[in-house]
Amino acid sequence: MTKALKITKNMTIAQVIYDYPETEEILQKHLGHCTTCPAASMETIALGAHLHEKDVTEIVKELNEFLDKKANEEKK
């Protein structure tokens, strides 16, 4: 059974920051100031990755791995 992703490439940057504010540093690392741009409410992670010539799959993977690790730490 495949684990469902919490964050997908089709989510807007603003939506991810709103739902998971602890991920903003990761987004900034990959997408720079896109996290504070007014267009973040309309721009998806996929579009931001494209504009910054980054691999969207790697960004989404890193975000979800971070959230999984955090959730596991909170269970302890």
PDB file of N, CA and C in Angstrom:
ATOM      1  N   MET A   1       0.839  -1.191   0.000  1.00  0.00           N
ATOM      2  CA  MET A   1       0.000   0.000   0.000  1.00  0.00           C
ATOM      3  C   MET A   1       0.881   1.250   0.000  1.00  0.00           C
ATOM      4  N   THR A   2       0.619   2.161  -0.900  1.00  0.00           N
ATOM      5  CA  THR A   2       1.397   3.386  -1.021  1.00  0.00           C
ATOM      6  C   THR A   2       0.881   4.426  -0.040  1.00  0.00           C
ATOM      7  N   LYS A   3       1.807   5.082   0.617  1.00  0.00           N
ATOM      8  CA  LYS A   3       1.457   6.119   1.571  1.00  0.00           C
ATOM      9  C   LYS A   3       1.012   7.378   0.826  1.00  0.00           C
ATOM     10  N   ALA A   4      -0.075   7.972   1.261  1.00  0.00           N
ATOM     11  CA  ALA A   4      -0.592   9.181   0.619  1.00  0.00           C
ATOM     12  C   ALA A   4       0.326  10.363   0.935  1.00  0.00           C
ATOM     13  N   LEU A   5       0.551  11.185  -0.057  1.00  0.00           N
ATOM     14  CA  LEU A   5       1.360  12.379   0.140  1.00  0.00           C
ATOM     15  C   LEU A   5       0.529  13.452   0.836  1.00  0.00           C
ATOM     16  N   LYS A   6       1.155  14.160   1.746  1.00  0.00           N
ATOM     17  CA  LYS A   6       0.492  15.281   2.394  1.00  0.00           C
ATOM     18  C   LYS A   6       0.558  16.503   1.492  1.00  0.00           C
ATOM     19  N   ILE A   7       1.682  16.635   0.796  1.00  0.00           N
ATOM     20  CA  ILE A   7       1.911  17.764  -0.092  1.00  0.00           C
ATOM     21  C   ILE A   7       2.078  17.233  -1.511  1.00  0.00           C
ATOM     22  N   THR A   8       1.436  17.883  -2.460  1.00  0.00           N
ATOM     23  CA  THR A   8       1.562  17.488  -3.861  1.00  0.00           C
ATOM     24  C   THR A   8       2.060  18.672  -4.675  1.00  0.00           C
ATOM     25  N   LYS A   9       2.539  18.379  -5.867  1.00  0.00           N
ATOM     26  CA  LYS A   9       3.081  19.427  -6.738  1.00  0.00           C
ATOM     27  C   LYS A   9       2.019  20.410  -7.207  1.00  0.00           C
ATOM     28  N   ASN A  10       0.755  20.024  -7.109  1.00  0.00           N
ATOM     29  CA  ASN A  10      -0.328  20.889  -7.579  1.00  0.00           C
ATOM     30  C   ASN A  10      -0.884  21.818  -6.514  1.00  0.00           C
ATOM     31  N   MET A  11      -0.337  21.733  -5.316  1.00  0.00           N
ATOM     32  CA  MET A  11      -0.753  22.653  -4.250  1.00  0.00           C
ATOM     33  C   MET A  11      -0.072  23.997  -4.480  1.00  0.00           C
ATOM     34  N   THR A  12      -0.754  25.065  -4.113  1.00  0.00           N
ATOM     35  CA  THR A  12      -0.113  26.374  -4.223  1.00  0.00           C
ATOM     36  C   THR A  12       0.926  26.514  -3.115  1.00  0.00           C
ATOM     37  N   ILE A  13       1.896  27.367  -3.372  1.00  0.00           N
ATOM     38  CA  ILE A  13       2.941  27.622  -2.386  1.00  0.00           C
ATOM     39  C   ILE A  13       2.312  28.167  -1.108  1.00  0.00           C
ATOM     40  N   ALA A  14       1.377  29.100  -1.245  1.00  0.00           N
ATOM     41  CA  ALA A  14       0.716  29.687  -0.081  1.00  0.00           C
ATOM     42  C   ALA A  14      -0.077  28.641   0.702  1.00  0.00           C
ATOM     43  N   GLN A  15      -0.718  27.719   0.001  1.00  0.00           N
ATOM     44  CA  GLN A  15      -1.494  26.677   0.669  1.00  0.00           C
ATOM     45  C   GLN A  15      -0.581  25.792   1.516  1.00  0.00           C
ATOM     46  N   VAL A  16       0.573  25.439   0.985  1.00  0.00           N
ATOM     47  CA  VAL A  16       1.518  24.604   1.730  1.00  0.00           C
ATOM     48  C   VAL A  16       2.005  25.341   2.969  1.00  0.00           C
ATOM     49  N   ILE A  17       2.355  26.606   2.808  1.00  0.00           N
ATOM     50  CA  ILE A  17       2.834  27.390   3.958  1.00  0.00           C
ATOM     51  C   ILE A  17       1.734  27.565   4.998  1.00  0.00           C
ATOM     52  N   TYR A  18       0.511  27.748   4.549  1.00  0.00           N
ATOM     53  CA  TYR A  18      -0.610  27.894   5.481  1.00  0.00           C
ATOM     54  C   TYR A  18      -0.853  26.592   6.242  1.00  0.00           C
ATOM     55  N   ASP A  19      -0.896  25.471   5.509  1.00  0.00           N
ATOM     56  CA  ASP A  19      -1.180  24.176   6.128  1.00  0.00           C
ATOM     57  C   ASP A  19      -0.003  23.637   6.933  1.00  0.00           C
ATOM     58  N   TYR A  20       1.215  23.904   6.466  1.00  0.00           N
ATOM     59  CA  TYR A  20       2.431  23.365   7.087  1.00  0.00           C
ATOM     60  C   TYR A  20       3.484  24.468   7.187  1.00  0.00           C
ATOM     61  N   PRO A  21       3.303  25.445   8.076  1.00  0.00           N
ATOM     62  CA  PRO A  21       4.233  26.583   8.148  1.00  0.00           C
ATOM     63  C   PRO A  21       5.678  26.176   8.418  1.00  0.00           C
ATOM     64  N   GLU A  22       5.866  25.030   9.025  1.00  0.00           N
ATOM     65  CA  GLU A  22       7.216  24.573   9.328  1.00  0.00           C
ATOM     66  C   GLU A  22       8.002  24.179   8.074  1.00  0.00           C
ATOM     67  N   THR A  23       7.342  24.121   6.925  1.00  0.00           N
ATOM     68  CA  THR A  23       8.013  23.768   5.670  1.00  0.00           C
ATOM     69  C   THR A  23       8.522  24.981   4.897  1.00  0.00           C
ATOM     70  N   GLU A  24       8.252  26.171   5.396  1.00  0.00           N
ATOM     71  CA  GLU A  24       8.620  27.379   4.640  1.00  0.00           C
ATOM     72  C   GLU A  24      10.123  27.452   4.352  1.00  0.00           C
ATOM     73  N   GLU A  25      10.950  27.030   5.285  1.00  0.00           N
ATOM     74  CA  GLU A  25      12.397  27.066   5.072  1.00  0.00           C
ATOM     75  C   GLU A  25      12.813  26.175   3.897  1.00  0.00           C
ATOM     76  N   ILE A  26      12.195  25.010   3.781  1.00  0.00           N
ATOM     77  CA  ILE A  26      12.497  24.111   2.663  1.00  0.00           C
ATOM     78  C   ILE A  26      12.062  24.747   1.348  1.00  0.00           C
ATOM     79  N   LEU A  27      10.878  25.333   1.341  1.00  0.00           N
ATOM     80  CA  LEU A  27      10.399  25.996   0.124  1.00  0.00           C
ATOM     81  C   LEU A  27      11.313  27.150  -0.267  1.00  0.00           C
ATOM     82  N   GLN A  28      11.753  27.929   0.719  1.00  0.00           N
ATOM     83  CA  GLN A  28      12.654  29.039   0.419  1.00  0.00           C
ATOM     84  C   GLN A  28      13.982  28.537  -0.143  1.00  0.00           C
ATOM     85  N   LYS A  29      14.459  27.418   0.375  1.00  0.00           N
ATOM     86  CA  LYS A  29      15.714  26.856  -0.105  1.00  0.00           C
ATOM     87  C   LYS A  29      15.628  26.542  -1.600  1.00  0.00           C
ATOM     88  N   HIS A  30      14.483  26.042  -2.033  1.00  0.00           N
ATOM     89  CA  HIS A  30      14.321  25.634  -3.430  1.00  0.00           C
ATOM     90  C   HIS A  30      13.745  26.730  -4.323  1.00  0.00           C
ATOM     91  N   LEU A  31      12.849  27.538  -3.765  1.00  0.00           N
ATOM     92  CA  LEU A  31      12.103  28.487  -4.596  1.00  0.00           C
ATOM     93  C   LEU A  31      12.397  29.942  -4.284  1.00  0.00           C
ATOM     94  N   GLY A  32      13.331  30.185  -3.396  1.00  0.00           N
ATOM     95  CA  GLY A  32      13.714  31.561  -3.080  1.00  0.00           C
ATOM     96  C   GLY A  32      12.558  32.380  -2.525  1.00  0.00           C
ATOM     97  N   HIS A  33      12.425  33.572  -3.039  1.00  0.00           N
ATOM     98  CA  HIS A  33      11.424  34.509  -2.513  1.00  0.00           C
ATOM     99  C   HIS A  33      10.012  34.245  -3.030  1.00  0.00           C
ATOM    100  N   CYS A  34       9.830  33.159  -3.749  1.00  0.00           N
ATOM    101  CA  CYS A  34       8.471  32.798  -4.189  1.00  0.00           C
ATOM    102  C   CYS A  34       7.538  32.631  -2.994  1.00  0.00           C
ATOM    103  N   THR A  35       8.102  32.289  -1.855  1.00  0.00           N
ATOM    104  CA  THR A  35       7.266  32.060  -0.677  1.00  0.00           C
ATOM    105  C   THR A  35       6.622  33.335  -0.167  1.00  0.00           C
ATOM    106  N   THR A  36       7.206  34.478  -0.464  1.00  0.00           N
ATOM    107  CA  THR A  36       6.656  35.746   0.001  1.00  0.00           C
ATOM    108  C   THR A  36       6.048  36.583  -1.125  1.00  0.00           C
ATOM    109  N   CYS A  37       6.084  36.068  -2.326  1.00  0.00           N
ATOM    110  CA  CYS A  37       5.548  36.771  -3.490  1.00  0.00           C
ATOM    111  C   CYS A  37       4.014  36.762  -3.452  1.00  0.00           C
ATOM    112  N   PRO A  38       3.382  37.849  -3.849  1.00  0.00           N
ATOM    113  CA  PRO A  38       1.911  37.860  -3.895  1.00  0.00           C
ATOM    114  C   PRO A  38       1.334  36.754  -4.792  1.00  0.00           C
ATOM    115  N   ALA A  39       2.080  36.305  -5.778  1.00  0.00           N
ATOM    116  CA  ALA A  39       1.602  35.252  -6.678  1.00  0.00           C
ATOM    117  C   ALA A  39       1.612  33.875  -6.024  1.00  0.00           C
ATOM    118  N   ALA A  40       2.183  33.755  -4.823  1.00  0.00           N
ATOM    119  CA  ALA A  40       2.267  32.456  -4.143  1.00  0.00           C
ATOM    120  C   ALA A  40       0.886  31.847  -3.888  1.00  0.00           C
ATOM    121  N   SER A  41      -0.134  32.687  -3.840  1.00  0.00           N
ATOM    122  CA  SER A  41      -1.488  32.163  -3.618  1.00  0.00           C
ATOM    123  C   SER A  41      -2.063  31.521  -4.877  1.00  0.00           C
ATOM    124  N   MET A  42      -1.421  31.760  -6.027  1.00  0.00           N
ATOM    125  CA  MET A  42      -1.891  31.177  -7.280  1.00  0.00           C
ATOM    126  C   MET A  42      -0.857  30.226  -7.899  1.00  0.00           C
ATOM    127  N   GLU A  43       0.391  30.379  -7.509  1.00  0.00           N
ATOM    128  CA  GLU A  43       1.479  29.609  -8.110  1.00  0.00           C
ATOM    129  C   GLU A  43       1.649  28.267  -7.393  1.00  0.00           C
ATOM    130  N   THR A  44       1.620  27.200  -8.169  1.00  0.00           N
ATOM    131  CA  THR A  44       1.806  25.876  -7.585  1.00  0.00           C
ATOM    132  C   THR A  44       3.288  25.595  -7.354  1.00  0.00           C
ATOM    133  N   ILE A  45       3.550  24.579  -6.551  1.00  0.00           N
ATOM    134  CA  ILE A  45       4.934  24.156  -6.358  1.00  0.00           C
ATOM    135  C   ILE A  45       5.531  23.763  -7.704  1.00  0.00           C
ATOM    136  N   ALA A  46       4.743  23.102  -8.537  1.00  0.00           N
ATOM    137  CA  ALA A  46       5.236  22.681  -9.854  1.00  0.00           C
ATOM    138  C   ALA A  46       5.659  23.877 -10.695  1.00  0.00           C
ATOM    139  N   LEU A  47       4.865  24.925 -10.712  1.00  0.00           N
ATOM    140  CA  LEU A  47       5.215  26.108 -11.495  1.00  0.00           C
ATOM    141  C   LEU A  47       6.444  26.791 -10.910  1.00  0.00           C
ATOM    142  N   GLY A  48       6.484  26.924  -9.599  1.00  0.00           N
ATOM    143  CA  GLY A  48       7.651  27.532  -8.958  1.00  0.00           C
ATOM    144  C   GLY A  48       8.918  26.756  -9.269  1.00  0.00           C
ATOM    145  N   ALA A  49       8.830  25.437  -9.221  1.00  0.00           N
ATOM    146  CA  ALA A  49       9.987  24.598  -9.539  1.00  0.00           C
ATOM    147  C   ALA A  49      10.420  24.814 -10.985  1.00  0.00           C
ATOM    148  N   HIS A  50       9.456  24.878 -11.878  1.00  0.00           N
ATOM    149  CA  HIS A  50       9.758  25.113 -13.289  1.00  0.00           C
ATOM    150  C   HIS A  50      10.450  26.464 -13.491  1.00  0.00           C
ATOM    151  N   LEU A  51       9.931  27.489 -12.866  1.00  0.00           N
ATOM    152  CA  LEU A  51      10.481  28.830 -13.026  1.00  0.00           C
ATOM    153  C   LEU A  51      11.893  28.943 -12.450  1.00  0.00           C
ATOM    154  N   HIS A  52      12.182  28.130 -11.441  1.00  0.00           N
ATOM    155  CA  HIS A  52      13.504  28.166 -10.811  1.00  0.00           C
ATOM    156  C   HIS A  52      14.403  27.026 -11.279  1.00  0.00           C
ATOM    157  N   GLU A  53      13.932  26.326 -12.309  1.00  0.00           N
ATOM    158  CA  GLU A  53      14.681  25.213 -12.897  1.00  0.00           C
ATOM    159  C   GLU A  53      15.090  24.189 -11.842  1.00  0.00           C
ATOM    160  N   LYS A  54      14.121  23.803 -11.007  1.00  0.00           N
ATOM    161  CA  LYS A  54      14.322  22.809  -9.954  1.00  0.00           C
ATOM    162  C   LYS A  54      13.475  21.583 -10.260  1.00  0.00           C
ATOM    163  N   ASP A  55      13.829  20.476  -9.651  1.00  0.00           N
ATOM    164  CA  ASP A  55      13.095  19.221  -9.820  1.00  0.00           C
ATOM    165  C   ASP A  55      11.930  19.176  -8.833  1.00  0.00           C
ATOM    166  N   VAL A  56      10.709  19.309  -9.336  1.00  0.00           N
ATOM    167  CA  VAL A  56       9.530  19.351  -8.467  1.00  0.00           C
ATOM    168  C   VAL A  56       9.373  18.058  -7.673  1.00  0.00           C
ATOM    169  N   THR A  57       9.739  16.933  -8.267  1.00  0.00           N
ATOM    170  CA  THR A  57       9.618  15.659  -7.562  1.00  0.00           C
ATOM    171  C   THR A  57      10.500  15.648  -6.319  1.00  0.00           C
ATOM    172  N   GLU A  58      11.697  16.168  -6.439  1.00  0.00           N
ATOM    173  CA  GLU A  58      12.620  16.221  -5.293  1.00  0.00           C
ATOM    174  C   GLU A  58      12.114  17.172  -4.212  1.00  0.00           C
ATOM    175  N   ILE A  59      11.545  18.303  -4.623  1.00  0.00           N
ATOM    176  CA  ILE A  59      11.016  19.266  -3.647  1.00  0.00           C
ATOM    177  C   ILE A  59       9.872  18.635  -2.862  1.00  0.00           C
ATOM    178  N   VAL A  60       8.919  18.039  -3.571  1.00  0.00           N
ATOM    179  CA  VAL A  60       7.766  17.415  -2.908  1.00  0.00           C
ATOM    180  C   VAL A  60       8.221  16.266  -2.013  1.00  0.00           C
ATOM    181  N   LYS A  61       9.182  15.490  -2.488  1.00  0.00           N
ATOM    182  CA  LYS A  61       9.705  14.381  -1.684  1.00  0.00           C
ATOM    183  C   LYS A  61      10.324  14.913  -0.395  1.00  0.00           C
ATOM    184  N   GLU A  62      11.145  15.948  -0.495  1.00  0.00           N
ATOM    185  CA  GLU A  62      11.780  16.509   0.693  1.00  0.00           C
ATOM    186  C   GLU A  62      10.753  17.070   1.674  1.00  0.00           C
ATOM    187  N   LEU A  63       9.744  17.750   1.160  1.00  0.00           N
ATOM    188  CA  LEU A  63       8.696  18.297   2.029  1.00  0.00           C
ATOM    189  C   LEU A  63       7.969  17.190   2.780  1.00  0.00           C
ATOM    190  N   ASN A  64       7.566  16.147   2.072  1.00  0.00           N
ATOM    191  CA  ASN A  64       6.826  15.062   2.706  1.00  0.00           C
ATOM    192  C   ASN A  64       7.695  14.246   3.654  1.00  0.00           C
ATOM    193  N   GLU A  65       8.961  14.049   3.309  1.00  0.00           N
ATOM    194  CA  GLU A  65       9.862  13.347   4.224  1.00  0.00           C
ATOM    195  C   GLU A  65      10.042  14.150   5.511  1.00  0.00           C
ATOM    196  N   PHE A  66      10.150  15.463   5.380  1.00  0.00           N
ATOM    197  CA  PHE A  66      10.261  16.326   6.554  1.00  0.00           C
ATOM    198  C   PHE A  66       9.026  16.192   7.449  1.00  0.00           C
ATOM    199  N   LEU A  67       7.844  16.228   6.841  1.00  0.00           N
ATOM    200  CA  LEU A  67       6.610  16.110   7.617  1.00  0.00           C
ATOM    201  C   LEU A  67       6.489  14.738   8.271  1.00  0.00           C
ATOM    202  N   ASP A  68       6.882  13.684   7.552  1.00  0.00           N
ATOM    203  CA  ASP A  68       6.849  12.331   8.118  1.00  0.00           C
ATOM    204  C   ASP A  68       7.789  12.216   9.313  1.00  0.00           C
ATOM    205  N   LYS A  69       8.984  12.760   9.163  1.00  0.00           N
ATOM    206  CA  LYS A  69       9.967  12.714  10.249  1.00  0.00           C
ATOM    207  C   LYS A  69       9.444  13.466  11.467  1.00  0.00           C
ATOM    208  N   LYS A  70       8.865  14.631  11.235  1.00  0.00           N
ATOM    209  CA  LYS A  70       8.318  15.434  12.330  1.00  0.00           C
ATOM    210  C   LYS A  70       7.185  14.679  13.029  1.00  0.00           C
ATOM    211  N   ALA A  71       6.316  14.055  12.253  1.00  0.00           N
ATOM    212  CA  ALA A  71       5.197  13.300  12.836  1.00  0.00           C
ATOM    213  C   ALA A  71       5.710  12.132  13.664  1.00  0.00           C
ATOM    214  N   ASN A  72       6.729  11.448  13.181  1.00  0.00           N
ATOM    215  CA  ASN A  72       7.300  10.325  13.920  1.00  0.00           C
ATOM    216  C   ASN A  72       7.950  10.773  15.211  1.00  0.00           C
ATOM    217  N   GLU A  73       8.612  11.927  15.198  1.00  0.00           N
ATOM    218  CA  GLU A  73       9.228  12.471  16.393  1.00  0.00           C
ATOM    219  C   GLU A  73       8.178  12.868  17.430  1.00  0.00           C
ATOM    220  N   GLU A  74       7.048  13.366  16.956  1.00  0.00           N
ATOM    221  CA  GLU A  74       5.979  13.778  17.872  1.00  0.00           C
ATOM    222  C   GLU A  74       5.309  12.581  18.529  1.00  0.00           C
ATOM    223  N   LYS A  75       5.350  11.421  17.889  1.00  0.00           N
ATOM    224  CA  LYS A  75       4.748  10.209  18.434  1.00  0.00           C
ATOM    225  C   LYS A  75       5.558   9.651  19.599  1.00  0.00           C
ATOM    226  N   LYS A  76       6.853   9.992  19.639  1.00  0.00           N
ATOM    227  CA  LYS A  76       7.735   9.447  20.673  1.00  0.00           C
ATOM    228  C   LYS A  76       7.532  10.105  22.008  1.00  0.00           C
TER     229      LYS A  76
END
